[in-house]
Amino acid sequence: MKDMRKILKAGMVVFSLVIMGCVACSQNDNLINNGNQNGIINEGNDPNFKIVANSDAGMSSFNRKVVVFGIDIYAVPKVEDAKLLHAANVMAQYLDNNEDGTVDNPKVLEEMNKNKAFLFMWYSQSDMNSISPPSGRLGQDLGNGETIPNYVSGGKKGRFDASLEEVWHIITHAGYSKAYPSVFGENAGTSLTNAMDKARGGKFTSIPSSYPTEAWYTYDDTTCTYDCQATEYFYWAMSSILGAQTNRLSEIQQEWKLNTKEKVKATDAAVFGLLTNTQYKFPTVLPDGTYKR
């Protein structure tokens, strides 16, 4: 089941469908994060990242944040400290995949910082209605209830960790698509979208009533525009190459059929070639939320 999500572009709120799963469905609405009672900000015990109080313009409902290579990750009071720090570690592992303390692709980080990219973590969907960042900032949301820190370490079974998707979305949208617009741009005619058109069985500027039988990428949410489709395609291909979808074929095949690296390589040679091209310094190891620089 899909949820209504927000991607913030240049300070304007745009709705987009981006992930399957319920939102905070197992959470107690009365839960108060133990590290954030009485307005006290607990910096946490992560060796690399500290939780700090937030007072950034347009983000007043998000009382704290973690900064990763200059990228802000905000959280509302009820978001658990452990999940905020997990998102920070996933961000760091995607950007510095060999964990040597230096971002693998400085050009991508430069574009993310230029666009003042950020991630914002919410507890209930109403939290997304109280965000108004300054014009020029590109943002992506992530829910507390859908952030599952032990998904990768637990053998990639059970409920999926949405941080693997949402963090990647902001990296590609604010980073790769801007750093390499003719290759990874989300508009028609780029290397990425040309590959996507083949994966969908044709160039569809809107969702077709049905996809061709030969298509392996069949995302069918009618609110997802062409650029949204490109962002999702980028995620499905990269996460499958990294092994995130290995055990999820029955859950995702209505949208994406190539759930392993081997399937992507065999069926979608165009995107496989793009995402394994060492020129772009893509991650080769799936983040597990334990950044060790």
Protein backbone atom coordinates (compact mmCIF):
# COMPACT_ATOMS: atom_id res chain seq x y z
CA MET A 1 0.00 0.00 0.00
CA LYS A 2 1.34 3.45 -0.88
CA ASP A 3 1.34 6.58 1.23
CA MET A 4 1.08 10.23 0.27
CA ARG A 5 4.51 11.78 0.67
CA LYS A 6 6.05 15.22 0.23
CA ILE A 7 9.03 16.30 -1.78
CA LEU A 8 9.88 19.95 -1.30
CA LYS A 9 11.24 21.72 -4.35
CA ALA A 10 12.48 25.29 -4.15
CA GLY A 11 10.35 25.95 -1.11
CA MET A 12 7.15 24.77 -2.80
CA VAL A 13 5.36 21.70 -1.47
CA VAL A 14 4.80 19.02 -4.09
CA PHE A 15 3.03 15.75 -3.31
CA SER A 16 4.52 12.54 -4.61
CA LEU A 17 3.93 8.84 -4.03
CA VAL A 18 7.22 7.23 -3.23
CA ILE A 19 7.05 4.22 -0.95
CA MET A 20 4.95 1.27 0.13
CA GLY A 21 3.94 0.62 3.72
CA CYS A 22 1.84 2.10 6.49
CA VAL A 23 2.90 5.25 8.30
CA ALA A 24 3.77 4.86 11.96
CA CYS A 25 1.09 2.17 12.07
CA SER A 26 2.58 0.43 15.09
CA GLN A 27 3.42 3.59 16.96
CA ASN A 28 1.74 4.85 20.10
CA ASP A 29 0.59 8.40 19.45
CA ASN A 30 1.35 9.28 23.07
CA LEU A 31 4.98 8.17 22.84
CA ILE A 32 7.50 10.78 23.92
CA ASN A 33 11.11 10.23 22.93
CA ASN A 34 13.06 9.55 26.14
CA GLY A 35 15.95 11.71 25.00
CA ASN A 36 13.72 14.72 24.38
CA GLN A 37 11.50 15.15 27.43
CA ASN A 38 10.86 18.62 28.84
CA GLY A 39 12.45 20.26 25.82
CA ILE A 40 15.91 18.87 26.62
CA ILE A 41 17.93 17.89 23.56
CA ASN A 42 19.95 14.72 24.04
CA GLU A 43 22.95 14.74 21.70
CA GLY A 44 23.01 10.94 21.63
CA ASN A 45 25.97 8.60 21.81
CA ASP A 46 26.88 8.27 18.14
CA PRO A 47 30.67 8.52 17.63
CA ASN A 48 30.34 10.65 14.50
CA PHE A 49 27.13 12.66 14.73
CA LYS A 50 25.52 14.76 17.44
CA ILE A 51 21.91 15.80 17.75
CA VAL A 52 21.66 19.59 18.15
CA ALA A 53 18.81 22.02 18.77
CA ASN A 54 17.25 23.47 15.65
CA SER A 55 16.09 27.02 15.01
CA ASP A 56 16.36 27.18 11.21
CA ALA A 57 13.90 29.37 9.32
CA GLY A 58 10.72 27.62 8.22
CA MET A 59 11.49 24.52 10.27
CA SER A 60 10.23 25.59 13.70
CA SER A 61 8.19 22.42 14.29
CA PHE A 62 11.38 20.36 13.98
CA ASN A 63 13.10 20.89 17.32
CA ARG A 64 16.42 19.22 16.54
CA LYS A 65 18.65 18.05 13.74
CA VAL A 66 21.81 16.20 12.77
CA VAL A 67 24.15 17.59 10.12
CA VAL A 68 25.90 15.14 7.77
CA PHE A 69 28.52 16.62 5.43
CA GLY A 70 26.57 19.88 5.55
CA ILE A 71 23.19 18.22 4.90
CA ASP A 72 20.53 18.89 7.55
CA ILE A 73 18.36 16.05 8.85
CA TYR A 74 15.50 17.50 10.92
CA ALA A 75 13.16 15.75 13.35
CA VAL A 76 9.96 16.64 15.17
CA PRO A 77 9.94 16.06 18.97
CA LYS A 78 8.35 12.59 18.85
CA VAL A 79 10.86 11.12 16.40
CA GLU A 80 13.14 8.73 18.26
CA ASP A 81 16.75 9.79 18.69
CA ALA A 82 17.95 6.37 17.56
CA LYS A 83 16.04 6.70 14.29
CA LEU A 84 17.29 10.22 13.65
CA LEU A 85 20.87 9.03 14.15
CA HIS A 86 20.19 5.98 11.97
CA ALA A 87 19.11 8.24 9.10
CA ALA A 88 22.29 10.27 9.57
CA ASN A 89 24.43 7.13 9.37
CA VAL A 90 22.62 5.94 6.24
CA MET A 91 23.20 9.34 4.64
CA ALA A 92 26.90 9.20 5.53
CA GLN A 93 27.29 5.66 4.20
CA TYR A 94 25.66 6.50 0.88
CA LEU A 95 27.87 9.57 0.42
CA ASP A 96 31.08 8.08 1.87
CA ASN A 97 30.58 4.44 0.99
CA ASN A 98 34.16 3.37 1.71
CA GLU A 99 33.88 5.15 5.07
CA ASP A 100 37.24 6.91 4.89
CA GLY A 101 35.85 10.23 6.11
CA THR A 102 35.75 11.82 2.65
CA VAL A 103 32.70 12.00 0.39
CA ASP A 104 33.19 9.72 -2.61
CA ASN A 105 31.77 12.15 -5.18
CA PRO A 106 32.44 15.77 -4.12
CA LYS A 107 30.56 17.06 -7.18
CA VAL A 108 27.33 15.46 -5.93
CA LEU A 109 27.76 16.86 -2.42
CA GLU A 110 28.54 20.29 -3.87
CA GLU A 111 25.20 20.29 -5.70
CA MET A 112 23.35 19.07 -2.62
CA ASN A 113 24.82 21.87 -0.55
CA LYS A 114 24.19 24.39 -3.32
CA ASN A 115 20.53 23.38 -3.27
CA LYS A 116 20.49 23.37 0.56
CA ALA A 117 19.26 19.79 0.52
CA PHE A 118 17.65 18.40 3.64
CA LEU A 119 15.76 15.44 5.02
CA PHE A 120 12.90 15.95 7.46
CA MET A 121 11.65 13.24 9.78
CA TRP A 122 8.01 13.22 10.88
CA TYR A 123 6.02 11.22 13.42
CA SER A 124 2.52 11.68 12.02
CA GLN A 125 1.56 12.89 8.56
CA SER A 126 0.19 16.13 10.00
CA ASP A 127 3.79 17.07 10.84
CA MET A 128 4.38 17.60 7.13
CA ASN A 129 1.85 20.41 7.03
CA SER A 130 3.90 22.70 9.25
CA ILE A 131 6.99 23.02 7.11
CA SER A 132 7.85 26.13 5.12
CA PRO A 133 11.56 26.24 4.25
CA PRO A 134 13.04 29.26 2.48
CA SER A 135 12.87 29.27 -1.31
CA GLY A 136 15.70 27.37 -2.92
CA ARG A 137 15.84 24.41 -0.53
CA LEU A 138 15.24 20.88 -1.80
CA GLY A 139 13.88 18.43 0.75
CA GLN A 140 12.61 14.89 1.22
CA ASP A 141 10.58 13.36 4.04
CA LEU A 142 11.10 10.22 6.13
CA GLY A 143 8.72 8.84 8.77
CA ASN A 144 9.68 7.67 12.24
CA GLY A 145 7.49 4.58 11.99
CA GLU A 146 8.91 3.49 8.63
CA THR A 147 12.54 3.84 9.74
CA ILE A 148 13.66 0.32 10.68
CA PRO A 149 17.31 0.37 11.86
CA ASN A 150 17.73 -3.42 12.06
CA TYR A 151 16.44 -4.26 8.57
CA VAL A 152 19.86 -4.74 6.96
CA SER A 153 21.60 -6.21 10.02
CA GLY A 154 18.65 -8.58 10.48
CA GLY A 155 19.19 -10.25 7.13
CA LYS A 156 17.00 -7.91 5.05
CA LYS A 157 13.84 -9.61 6.23
CA GLY A 158 10.69 -8.22 7.78
CA ARG A 159 9.53 -4.65 7.41
CA PHE A 160 11.66 -2.62 5.01
CA ASP A 161 13.78 0.29 6.22
CA ALA A 162 12.46 3.31 4.33
CA SER A 163 15.56 5.35 5.13
CA LEU A 164 17.31 3.35 2.38
CA GLU A 165 14.83 4.85 -0.07
CA GLU A 166 14.16 8.35 1.18
CA VAL A 167 17.80 9.23 1.86
CA TRP A 168 18.71 7.98 -1.62
CA HIS A 169 15.92 10.08 -3.15
CA ILE A 170 17.35 13.35 -1.80
CA ILE A 171 20.86 12.37 -2.88
CA THR A 172 19.76 11.69 -6.45
CA HIS A 173 17.25 14.54 -6.73
CA ALA A 174 19.41 17.29 -5.22
CA GLY A 175 22.77 15.75 -6.10
CA TYR A 176 23.21 13.42 -9.07
CA SER A 177 20.47 14.91 -11.23
CA LYS A 178 21.99 18.37 -10.82
CA ALA A 179 25.65 17.33 -11.05
CA TYR A 180 25.10 15.32 -14.26
CA PRO A 181 21.92 16.75 -15.84
CA SER A 182 22.33 15.10 -19.25
CA VAL A 183 22.97 11.71 -17.65
CA PHE A 184 20.89 11.58 -14.47
CA GLY A 185 18.47 14.45 -15.05
CA GLU A 186 14.83 13.60 -14.30
CA ASN A 187 13.53 15.16 -17.52
CA ALA A 188 12.94 13.31 -20.78
CA GLY A 189 15.94 12.55 -22.99
CA THR A 190 18.63 11.91 -20.39
CA SER A 191 20.56 8.65 -20.16
CA LEU A 192 18.57 7.73 -17.06
CA THR A 193 15.13 8.47 -18.48
CA ASN A 194 15.95 6.86 -21.83
CA ALA A 195 16.71 3.68 -19.90
CA MET A 196 13.52 4.17 -17.90
CA ASP A 197 11.42 4.51 -21.05
CA LYS A 198 12.70 1.13 -22.19
CA ALA A 199 12.04 -0.37 -18.76
CA ARG A 200 8.45 0.90 -18.88
CA GLY A 201 7.90 -0.40 -22.41
CA GLY A 202 7.60 3.07 -23.90
CA LYS A 203 7.77 6.79 -23.17
CA PHE A 204 4.78 7.68 -21.01
CA THR A 205 4.43 11.27 -19.83
CA SER A 206 1.53 10.11 -17.67
CA ILE A 207 0.66 6.75 -16.17
CA PRO A 208 -0.82 4.44 -18.85
CA SER A 209 -4.00 2.47 -18.22
CA SER A 210 -1.82 -0.62 -18.45
CA TYR A 211 1.85 -1.24 -19.17
CA PRO A 212 3.14 -3.36 -22.05
CA THR A 213 3.68 -6.98 -21.04
CA GLU A 214 7.41 -6.69 -21.64
CA ALA A 215 7.85 -3.83 -19.12
CA TRP A 216 9.71 -4.51 -15.88
CA TYR A 217 9.16 -1.09 -14.29
CA THR A 218 5.42 -0.57 -13.87
CA TYR A 219 4.89 2.10 -11.22
CA ASP A 220 1.20 2.96 -11.48
CA ASP A 221 0.50 5.87 -9.14
CA THR A 222 -1.28 8.48 -11.24
CA THR A 223 0.03 11.36 -9.11
CA CYS A 224 3.64 10.46 -9.92
CA THR A 225 4.79 12.70 -12.78
CA TYR A 226 7.51 11.82 -15.28
CA ASP A 227 10.31 13.23 -13.12
CA CYS A 228 8.87 11.40 -10.11
CA GLN A 229 8.92 8.18 -12.14
CA ALA A 230 12.59 8.81 -12.90
CA THR A 231 13.42 9.29 -9.23
CA GLU A 232 11.67 6.03 -8.36
CA TYR A 233 13.38 4.17 -11.20
CA PHE A 234 16.78 5.40 -10.01
CA TYR A 235 15.97 4.06 -6.54
CA TRP A 236 14.63 0.67 -7.63
CA ALA A 237 17.63 -0.03 -9.84
CA MET A 238 20.28 1.15 -7.37
CA SER A 239 18.74 -0.56 -4.35
CA SER A 240 18.41 -3.83 -6.28
CA ILE A 241 22.05 -3.66 -7.38
CA LEU A 242 23.06 -3.11 -3.74
CA GLY A 243 20.97 -6.06 -2.53
CA ALA A 244 18.25 -4.21 -0.60
CA GLN A 245 15.39 -5.92 -2.46
CA THR A 246 16.67 -9.51 -2.45
CA ASN A 247 13.88 -10.91 -0.29
CA ARG A 248 11.09 -8.57 -1.40
CA LEU A 249 10.00 -9.70 -4.86
CA SER A 250 6.50 -10.67 -3.75
CA GLU A 251 6.06 -7.21 -2.17
CA ILE A 252 7.39 -5.09 -5.01
CA GLN A 253 6.84 -6.94 -8.28
CA GLN A 254 3.72 -4.94 -9.12
CA GLU A 255 6.12 -1.98 -9.50
CA TRP A 256 9.55 -3.47 -10.11
CA LYS A 257 10.48 -6.98 -11.22
CA LEU A 258 14.29 -6.86 -11.14
CA ASN A 259 14.88 -7.29 -7.41
CA THR A 260 18.51 -8.52 -7.59
CA LYS A 261 21.76 -7.28 -9.08
CA GLU A 262 21.85 -10.27 -11.42
CA LYS A 263 18.37 -9.51 -12.78
CA VAL A 264 19.19 -5.85 -13.35
CA LYS A 265 22.39 -6.78 -15.18
CA ALA A 266 20.66 -9.37 -17.35
CA THR A 267 17.52 -7.39 -18.21
CA ASP A 268 18.29 -3.68 -17.86
CA ALA A 269 21.79 -3.36 -19.29
CA ALA A 270 21.42 0.40 -19.82
CA VAL A 271 20.76 1.33 -16.21
CA PHE A 272 23.16 -1.31 -14.92
CA GLY A 273 25.92 0.25 -17.01
CA LEU A 274 25.10 3.71 -15.67
CA LEU A 275 24.93 2.73 -12.02
CA THR A 276 28.10 0.63 -12.04
CA ASN A 277 30.16 3.18 -13.99
CA THR A 278 33.04 4.03 -11.65
CA GLN A 279 33.15 7.58 -13.05
CA TYR A 280 30.15 8.49 -10.90
CA LYS A 281 31.41 6.84 -7.72
CA PHE A 282 28.13 5.26 -6.74
CA PRO A 283 27.93 3.24 -3.52
CA THR A 284 28.77 -0.44 -3.88
CA VAL A 285 27.80 -1.52 -0.37
CA LEU A 286 24.29 -1.18 1.06
CA PRO A 287 24.21 1.09 4.14
CA ASP A 288 23.42 -0.66 7.41
CA GLY A 289 23.33 2.46 9.59
CA THR A 290 26.73 1.98 11.20
CA TYR A 291 29.04 4.54 9.64
CA LYS A 292 32.63 3.90 10.76
CA ARG A 293 34.93 6.56 9.45
